[in-house]
Amino acid sequence: MALHLLKLCVGVDTLEDLQRWSVKKLAAMRAAGEPAQLFHTTRMVPKRVDELLDGGALYWVIKGNIEARQQLENIVPFVDGQGIRRCHLMLSSEIEPTARAPRRPFQGWRYLKAEDAPPVLSAGDATLPPELRRELAELGLL
């Protein structure tokens, strides 16, 4: 069974903000002649890499709720220019909306067991306007 990571999405107010940021980032990479690959840099290198890369995803907490996930494609440790060990969490460019699940603030990332991960929204639920989707989730209908 896959293991996932949970991470706060700092500086983003909505799932749509995250999606727009990703599109801009990929376009900038292509324009610069770089490989178009989304990644998130973190200081701590996960110890359970094999489990994470066996179908795991990075679940994003936006404004206190898990709202989206991106598949983990690779985990690449490196040493930065200051000699600090870090890693790139290489991510799929597809951001999948999930059922909202409340989470308290935390630092860094956390492991998330597959059975605790919220489900990905169906195609019909994912196409609802964002404001309606949020309101329905707050009412417990989504």
N, C-alpha and C. Protein backbone atom coordinates (compact mmCIF):
# COMPACT_ATOMS: atom_id res chain seq x y z
N MET A 1 0.84 -1.18 0.00
CA MET A 1 0.00 0.00 0.00
C MET A 1 0.88 1.24 0.00
N ALA A 2 0.50 2.22 -0.79
CA ALA A 2 1.30 3.44 -0.94
C ALA A 2 1.30 4.27 0.34
N LEU A 3 2.36 5.00 0.52
CA LEU A 3 2.51 5.96 1.59
C LEU A 3 2.56 7.33 0.94
N HIS A 4 1.98 8.33 1.58
CA HIS A 4 1.92 9.67 1.02
C HIS A 4 2.62 10.66 1.94
N LEU A 5 2.81 11.88 1.42
CA LEU A 5 3.32 12.99 2.22
C LEU A 5 2.23 14.05 2.32
N LEU A 6 2.23 14.76 3.44
CA LEU A 6 1.30 15.85 3.68
C LEU A 6 2.13 17.10 3.89
N LYS A 7 1.77 18.21 3.21
CA LYS A 7 2.57 19.43 3.26
C LYS A 7 1.65 20.64 3.22
N LEU A 8 1.98 21.66 4.01
CA LEU A 8 1.24 22.92 3.94
C LEU A 8 1.60 23.63 2.63
N CYS A 9 0.61 24.20 1.99
CA CYS A 9 0.83 24.95 0.76
C CYS A 9 0.84 26.43 1.12
N VAL A 10 2.00 26.93 1.49
CA VAL A 10 2.15 28.29 1.99
C VAL A 10 2.10 29.30 0.85
N GLY A 11 1.40 30.41 1.08
CA GLY A 11 1.32 31.47 0.08
C GLY A 11 0.23 31.26 -0.95
N VAL A 12 -0.58 30.25 -0.76
CA VAL A 12 -1.67 29.94 -1.69
C VAL A 12 -2.97 29.98 -0.90
N ASP A 13 -3.97 30.65 -1.45
CA ASP A 13 -5.26 30.76 -0.77
C ASP A 13 -6.30 29.75 -1.24
N THR A 14 -6.16 29.30 -2.50
CA THR A 14 -7.14 28.37 -3.06
C THR A 14 -6.44 27.34 -3.94
N LEU A 15 -7.14 26.28 -4.22
CA LEU A 15 -6.65 25.26 -5.14
C LEU A 15 -6.38 25.87 -6.51
N GLU A 16 -7.22 26.81 -6.92
CA GLU A 16 -7.05 27.45 -8.22
C GLU A 16 -5.76 28.26 -8.26
N ASP A 17 -5.39 28.89 -7.14
CA ASP A 17 -4.10 29.61 -7.05
C ASP A 17 -2.94 28.65 -7.28
N LEU A 18 -3.00 27.47 -6.66
CA LEU A 18 -1.94 26.47 -6.83
C LEU A 18 -1.86 26.02 -8.29
N GLN A 19 -3.01 25.81 -8.90
CA GLN A 19 -3.02 25.38 -10.30
C GLN A 19 -2.44 26.46 -11.22
N ARG A 20 -2.81 27.72 -10.99
CA ARG A 20 -2.27 28.83 -11.81
C ARG A 20 -0.76 28.96 -11.61
N TRP A 21 -0.30 28.84 -10.36
CA TRP A 21 1.13 28.93 -10.08
C TRP A 21 1.89 27.83 -10.84
N SER A 22 1.35 26.62 -10.84
CA SER A 22 2.00 25.50 -11.51
C SER A 22 2.11 25.73 -13.01
N VAL A 23 1.04 26.23 -13.62
CA VAL A 23 1.04 26.50 -15.06
C VAL A 23 2.10 27.56 -15.38
N LYS A 24 2.16 28.63 -14.57
CA LYS A 24 3.16 29.69 -14.79
C LYS A 24 4.57 29.15 -14.63
N LYS A 25 4.79 28.34 -13.61
CA LYS A 25 6.12 27.78 -13.35
C LYS A 25 6.58 26.90 -14.52
N LEU A 26 5.71 26.05 -15.01
CA LEU A 26 6.06 25.19 -16.15
C LEU A 26 6.34 26.01 -17.40
N ALA A 27 5.53 27.05 -17.64
CA ALA A 27 5.75 27.92 -18.81
C ALA A 27 7.09 28.64 -18.71
N ALA A 28 7.44 29.12 -17.52
CA ALA A 28 8.72 29.81 -17.32
C ALA A 28 9.89 28.86 -17.56
N MET A 29 9.77 27.61 -17.12
CA MET A 29 10.83 26.62 -17.33
C MET A 29 11.01 26.34 -18.82
N ARG A 30 9.90 26.18 -19.53
CA ARG A 30 9.98 25.93 -20.98
C ARG A 30 10.62 27.11 -21.69
N ALA A 31 10.21 28.33 -21.31
CA ALA A 31 10.75 29.54 -21.94
C ALA A 31 12.25 29.69 -21.69
N ALA A 32 12.72 29.20 -20.55
CA ALA A 32 14.14 29.28 -20.20
C ALA A 32 14.94 28.11 -20.79
N GLY A 33 14.24 27.21 -21.49
CA GLY A 33 14.91 26.06 -22.08
C GLY A 33 15.26 24.98 -21.06
N GLU A 34 14.62 25.02 -19.90
CA GLU A 34 14.85 24.02 -18.85
C GLU A 34 13.81 22.91 -18.98
N PRO A 35 14.11 21.75 -18.41
CA PRO A 35 13.08 20.70 -18.39
C PRO A 35 11.87 21.17 -17.59
N ALA A 36 10.69 20.96 -18.13
CA ALA A 36 9.46 21.38 -17.45
C ALA A 36 9.03 20.28 -16.48
N GLN A 37 9.49 20.39 -15.25
CA GLN A 37 9.21 19.39 -14.21
C GLN A 37 8.95 20.12 -12.90
N LEU A 38 7.75 19.93 -12.36
CA LEU A 38 7.43 20.56 -11.07
C LEU A 38 8.13 19.81 -9.95
N PHE A 39 8.60 20.56 -8.96
CA PHE A 39 9.20 19.95 -7.78
C PHE A 39 9.01 20.87 -6.59
N HIS A 40 9.10 20.29 -5.42
CA HIS A 40 9.07 21.05 -4.18
C HIS A 40 10.35 20.71 -3.43
N THR A 41 11.05 21.73 -2.97
CA THR A 41 12.31 21.51 -2.26
C THR A 41 12.04 21.49 -0.76
N THR A 42 12.60 20.52 -0.09
CA THR A 42 12.45 20.40 1.35
C THR A 42 13.80 20.06 1.98
N ARG A 43 13.98 20.44 3.22
CA ARG A 43 15.26 20.19 3.88
C ARG A 43 15.40 18.74 4.30
N MET A 44 14.35 18.19 4.85
CA MET A 44 14.41 16.82 5.33
C MET A 44 14.19 15.84 4.17
N VAL A 45 15.01 14.81 4.14
CA VAL A 45 14.88 13.78 3.12
C VAL A 45 14.08 12.62 3.73
N PRO A 46 12.96 12.24 3.11
CA PRO A 46 12.17 11.14 3.66
C PRO A 46 13.00 9.85 3.74
N LYS A 47 12.79 9.10 4.80
CA LYS A 47 13.49 7.83 4.99
C LYS A 47 12.76 6.68 4.27
N ARG A 48 11.48 6.84 4.04
CA ARG A 48 10.65 5.77 3.48
C ARG A 48 10.41 5.98 1.98
N VAL A 49 11.49 6.25 1.26
CA VAL A 49 11.42 6.59 -0.17
C VAL A 49 10.74 5.49 -0.98
N ASP A 50 11.11 4.24 -0.75
CA ASP A 50 10.53 3.15 -1.55
C ASP A 50 9.01 3.11 -1.43
N GLU A 51 8.49 3.30 -0.22
CA GLU A 51 7.05 3.28 -0.01
C GLU A 51 6.39 4.49 -0.68
N LEU A 52 7.05 5.64 -0.60
CA LEU A 52 6.50 6.86 -1.20
C LEU A 52 6.44 6.77 -2.72
N LEU A 53 7.46 6.16 -3.31
CA LEU A 53 7.51 6.06 -4.78
C LEU A 53 6.70 4.89 -5.33
N ASP A 54 6.07 4.13 -4.45
CA ASP A 54 5.21 3.03 -4.85
C ASP A 54 3.76 3.51 -4.94
N GLY A 55 3.53 4.59 -5.71
CA GLY A 55 2.19 5.12 -5.90
C GLY A 55 1.82 6.25 -4.95
N GLY A 56 2.79 6.77 -4.21
CA GLY A 56 2.52 7.84 -3.26
C GLY A 56 2.31 9.19 -3.92
N ALA A 57 1.73 10.09 -3.15
CA ALA A 57 1.44 11.45 -3.64
C ALA A 57 1.76 12.46 -2.55
N LEU A 58 1.89 13.70 -2.95
CA LEU A 58 2.03 14.82 -2.02
C LEU A 58 0.65 15.45 -1.90
N TYR A 59 0.10 15.42 -0.69
CA TYR A 59 -1.21 16.03 -0.42
C TYR A 59 -0.98 17.43 0.12
N TRP A 60 -1.65 18.41 -0.49
CA TRP A 60 -1.48 19.81 -0.14
C TRP A 60 -2.56 20.27 0.83
N VAL A 61 -2.14 20.90 1.94
CA VAL A 61 -3.05 21.53 2.89
C VAL A 61 -3.12 23.01 2.53
N ILE A 62 -4.31 23.46 2.15
CA ILE A 62 -4.53 24.85 1.77
C ILE A 62 -5.52 25.46 2.75
N LYS A 63 -5.07 26.48 3.46
CA LYS A 63 -5.92 27.20 4.42
C LYS A 63 -6.62 26.24 5.40
N GLY A 64 -5.86 25.29 5.94
CA GLY A 64 -6.38 24.41 6.99
C GLY A 64 -7.10 23.18 6.52
N ASN A 65 -7.13 22.92 5.21
CA ASN A 65 -7.80 21.73 4.69
C ASN A 65 -6.96 21.06 3.62
N ILE A 66 -6.90 19.74 3.65
CA ILE A 66 -6.32 19.03 2.52
C ILE A 66 -7.27 19.27 1.36
N GLU A 67 -6.73 19.74 0.21
CA GLU A 67 -7.60 20.05 -0.92
C GLU A 67 -7.12 19.46 -2.24
N ALA A 68 -5.86 19.00 -2.29
CA ALA A 68 -5.35 18.53 -3.58
C ALA A 68 -4.20 17.56 -3.35
N ARG A 69 -3.88 16.85 -4.43
CA ARG A 69 -2.70 15.99 -4.38
C ARG A 69 -2.01 16.00 -5.73
N GLN A 70 -0.69 15.73 -5.67
CA GLN A 70 0.12 15.55 -6.87
C GLN A 70 0.92 14.27 -6.67
N GLN A 71 0.95 13.45 -7.70
CA GLN A 71 1.71 12.20 -7.62
C GLN A 71 3.20 12.50 -7.45
N LEU A 72 3.85 11.73 -6.60
CA LEU A 72 5.30 11.80 -6.45
C LEU A 72 5.92 10.98 -7.57
N GLU A 73 6.81 11.60 -8.34
CA GLU A 73 7.47 10.88 -9.42
C GLU A 73 8.88 10.45 -9.05
N ASN A 74 9.52 11.22 -8.17
CA ASN A 74 10.87 10.86 -7.71
C ASN A 74 11.21 11.71 -6.49
N ILE A 75 12.19 11.28 -5.76
CA ILE A 75 12.73 12.04 -4.63
C ILE A 75 14.23 12.09 -4.84
N VAL A 76 14.75 13.33 -5.01
CA VAL A 76 16.15 13.51 -5.39
C VAL A 76 16.90 14.28 -4.30
N PRO A 77 17.69 13.60 -3.47
CA PRO A 77 18.49 14.31 -2.47
C PRO A 77 19.64 15.06 -3.14
N PHE A 78 20.04 16.20 -2.54
CA PHE A 78 21.17 16.96 -3.05
C PHE A 78 21.72 17.82 -1.92
N VAL A 79 22.87 18.41 -2.15
CA VAL A 79 23.48 19.34 -1.21
C VAL A 79 23.47 20.71 -1.88
N ASP A 80 22.90 21.72 -1.19
CA ASP A 80 22.79 23.04 -1.80
C ASP A 80 24.12 23.79 -1.72
N GLY A 81 24.13 25.01 -2.22
CA GLY A 81 25.34 25.82 -2.27
C GLY A 81 25.93 26.15 -0.91
N GLN A 82 25.13 26.02 0.14
CA GLN A 82 25.61 26.29 1.50
C GLN A 82 26.00 25.02 2.23
N GLY A 83 26.01 23.90 1.52
CA GLY A 83 26.40 22.63 2.12
C GLY A 83 25.31 21.96 2.94
N ILE A 84 24.06 22.38 2.76
CA ILE A 84 22.93 21.81 3.51
C ILE A 84 22.25 20.74 2.66
N ARG A 85 22.04 19.57 3.28
CA ARG A 85 21.33 18.49 2.59
C ARG A 85 19.87 18.87 2.42
N ARG A 86 19.37 18.67 1.22
CA ARG A 86 17.98 18.94 0.90
C ARG A 86 17.50 17.86 -0.08
N CYS A 87 16.26 17.96 -0.48
CA CYS A 87 15.79 17.08 -1.54
C CYS A 87 14.70 17.76 -2.35
N HIS A 88 14.61 17.34 -3.61
CA HIS A 88 13.53 17.77 -4.48
C HIS A 88 12.50 16.65 -4.49
N LEU A 89 11.25 17.01 -4.18
CA LEU A 89 10.14 16.08 -4.35
C LEU A 89 9.63 16.35 -5.76
N MET A 90 9.94 15.47 -6.69
CA MET A 90 9.55 15.63 -8.08
C MET A 90 8.08 15.25 -8.22
N LEU A 91 7.28 16.16 -8.80
CA LEU A 91 5.83 16.02 -8.81
C LEU A 91 5.26 15.96 -10.22
N SER A 92 4.15 15.28 -10.34
CA SER A 92 3.39 15.28 -11.58
C SER A 92 2.86 16.69 -11.81
N SER A 93 2.66 17.06 -13.06
CA SER A 93 2.11 18.39 -13.34
C SER A 93 0.59 18.42 -13.11
N GLU A 94 -0.03 17.26 -12.99
CA GLU A 94 -1.47 17.20 -12.75
C GLU A 94 -1.76 17.36 -11.26
N ILE A 95 -2.61 18.33 -10.95
CA ILE A 95 -3.03 18.57 -9.57
C ILE A 95 -4.47 18.08 -9.46
N GLU A 96 -4.68 17.07 -8.63
CA GLU A 96 -6.00 16.46 -8.50
C GLU A 96 -6.72 16.99 -7.26
N PRO A 97 -7.92 17.55 -7.44
CA PRO A 97 -8.68 18.00 -6.27
C PRO A 97 -9.12 16.79 -5.43
N THR A 98 -9.07 16.94 -4.12
CA THR A 98 -9.50 15.88 -3.22
C THR A 98 -10.67 16.38 -2.38
N ALA A 99 -11.32 15.45 -1.73
CA ALA A 99 -12.32 15.84 -0.73
C ALA A 99 -11.59 16.64 0.34
N ARG A 100 -12.21 17.67 0.86
CA ARG A 100 -11.58 18.49 1.89
C ARG A 100 -11.50 17.72 3.20
N ALA A 101 -10.36 17.85 3.85
CA ALA A 101 -10.16 17.21 5.15
C ALA A 101 -9.38 18.19 6.02
N PRO A 102 -9.94 18.61 7.16
CA PRO A 102 -9.27 19.60 7.99
C PRO A 102 -7.95 19.09 8.58
N ARG A 103 -6.96 19.99 8.66
CA ARG A 103 -5.66 19.69 9.27
C ARG A 103 -5.16 20.91 10.01
N ARG A 104 -4.60 20.70 11.18
CA ARG A 104 -3.99 21.79 11.94
C ARG A 104 -2.64 22.13 11.33
N PRO A 105 -2.16 23.35 11.58
CA PRO A 105 -0.84 23.74 11.06
C PRO A 105 0.28 22.87 11.64
N PHE A 106 1.32 22.67 10.85
CA PHE A 106 2.50 21.93 11.27
C PHE A 106 3.67 22.42 10.44
N GLN A 107 4.87 22.08 10.86
CA GLN A 107 6.05 22.47 10.10
C GLN A 107 6.56 21.29 9.30
N GLY A 108 7.16 21.59 8.17
CA GLY A 108 7.76 20.54 7.34
C GLY A 108 6.69 19.72 6.65
N TRP A 109 6.91 18.42 6.57
CA TRP A 109 5.94 17.51 5.97
C TRP A 109 5.67 16.38 6.96
N ARG A 110 4.63 15.65 6.72
CA ARG A 110 4.25 14.51 7.53
C ARG A 110 3.94 13.34 6.61
N TYR A 111 4.19 12.13 7.10
CA TYR A 111 3.73 10.95 6.36
C TYR A 111 2.21 10.87 6.51
N LEU A 112 1.56 10.37 5.47
CA LEU A 112 0.11 10.19 5.46
C LEU A 112 -0.18 8.79 4.95
N LYS A 113 -0.77 7.96 5.80
CA LYS A 113 -1.11 6.59 5.40
C LYS A 113 -2.21 6.63 4.35
N ALA A 114 -2.19 5.67 3.45
CA ALA A 114 -3.17 5.61 2.37
C ALA A 114 -4.60 5.59 2.91
N GLU A 115 -4.82 4.87 4.00
CA GLU A 115 -6.19 4.78 4.54
C GLU A 115 -6.65 6.09 5.18
N ASP A 116 -5.74 7.01 5.48
CA ASP A 116 -6.09 8.31 6.06
C ASP A 116 -6.19 9.42 5.01
N ALA A 117 -5.84 9.12 3.78
CA ALA A 117 -5.83 10.13 2.72
C ALA A 117 -7.25 10.35 2.19
N PRO A 118 -7.65 11.60 1.98
CA PRO A 118 -8.98 11.85 1.42
C PRO A 118 -9.03 11.40 -0.03
N PRO A 119 -10.20 10.99 -0.49
CA PRO A 119 -10.32 10.53 -1.88
C PRO A 119 -10.21 11.67 -2.88
N VAL A 120 -9.77 11.34 -4.07
CA VAL A 120 -9.75 12.29 -5.18
C VAL A 120 -11.20 12.50 -5.60
N LEU A 121 -11.56 13.75 -5.91
CA LEU A 121 -12.93 14.04 -6.32
C LEU A 121 -13.23 13.42 -7.68
N SER A 122 -14.48 13.03 -7.86
CA SER A 122 -14.90 12.50 -9.15
C SER A 122 -14.87 13.63 -10.17
N ALA A 123 -14.91 13.28 -11.43
CA ALA A 123 -14.86 14.28 -12.50
C ALA A 123 -15.99 15.30 -12.35
N GLY A 124 -17.18 14.85 -11.98
CA GLY A 124 -18.31 15.75 -11.82
C GLY A 124 -18.11 16.73 -10.67
N ASP A 125 -17.63 16.24 -9.53
CA ASP A 125 -17.39 17.12 -8.38
C ASP A 125 -16.26 18.09 -8.66
N ALA A 126 -15.24 17.66 -9.38
CA ALA A 126 -14.07 18.50 -9.64
C ALA A 126 -14.41 19.65 -10.60
N THR A 127 -15.47 19.51 -11.40
CA THR A 127 -15.80 20.55 -12.36
C THR A 127 -16.76 21.59 -11.80
N LEU A 128 -17.22 21.39 -10.56
CA LEU A 128 -18.07 22.41 -9.93
C LEU A 128 -17.27 23.69 -9.77
N PRO A 129 -17.92 24.84 -9.84
CA PRO A 129 -17.21 26.10 -9.59
C PRO A 129 -16.56 26.06 -8.20
N PRO A 130 -15.35 26.60 -8.07
CA PRO A 130 -14.61 26.51 -6.80
C PRO A 130 -15.39 27.01 -5.59
N GLU A 131 -16.11 28.13 -5.72
CA GLU A 131 -16.85 28.67 -4.59
C GLU A 131 -17.95 27.71 -4.16
N LEU A 132 -18.65 27.11 -5.12
CA LEU A 132 -19.71 26.15 -4.81
C LEU A 132 -19.12 24.90 -4.17
N ARG A 133 -17.99 24.43 -4.69
CA ARG A 133 -17.34 23.24 -4.13
C ARG A 133 -16.95 23.48 -2.66
N ARG A 134 -16.39 24.69 -2.36
CA ARG A 134 -16.01 25.02 -0.98
C ARG A 134 -17.24 25.09 -0.08
N GLU A 135 -18.31 25.72 -0.58
CA GLU A 135 -19.52 25.86 0.23
C GLU A 135 -20.15 24.50 0.51
N LEU A 136 -20.24 23.65 -0.50
CA LEU A 136 -20.78 22.31 -0.30
C LEU A 136 -19.93 21.50 0.67
N ALA A 137 -18.59 21.65 0.60
CA ALA A 137 -17.71 20.94 1.52
C ALA A 137 -17.91 21.44 2.95
N GLU A 138 -18.07 22.75 3.13
CA GLU A 138 -18.29 23.31 4.46
C GLU A 138 -19.62 22.83 5.05
N LEU A 139 -20.60 22.57 4.19
CA LEU A 139 -21.90 22.05 4.65
C LEU A 139 -21.87 20.53 4.84
N GLY A 140 -20.75 19.91 4.50
CA GLY A 140 -20.63 18.46 4.64
C GLY A 140 -21.31 17.68 3.54
N LEU A 141 -21.58 18.33 2.42
CA LEU A 141 -22.25 17.67 1.32
C LEU A 141 -21.30 17.15 0.25
N LEU A 142 -20.04 17.47 0.39
CA LEU A 142 -19.02 17.01 -0.57
C LEU A 142 -17.90 16.35 0.17
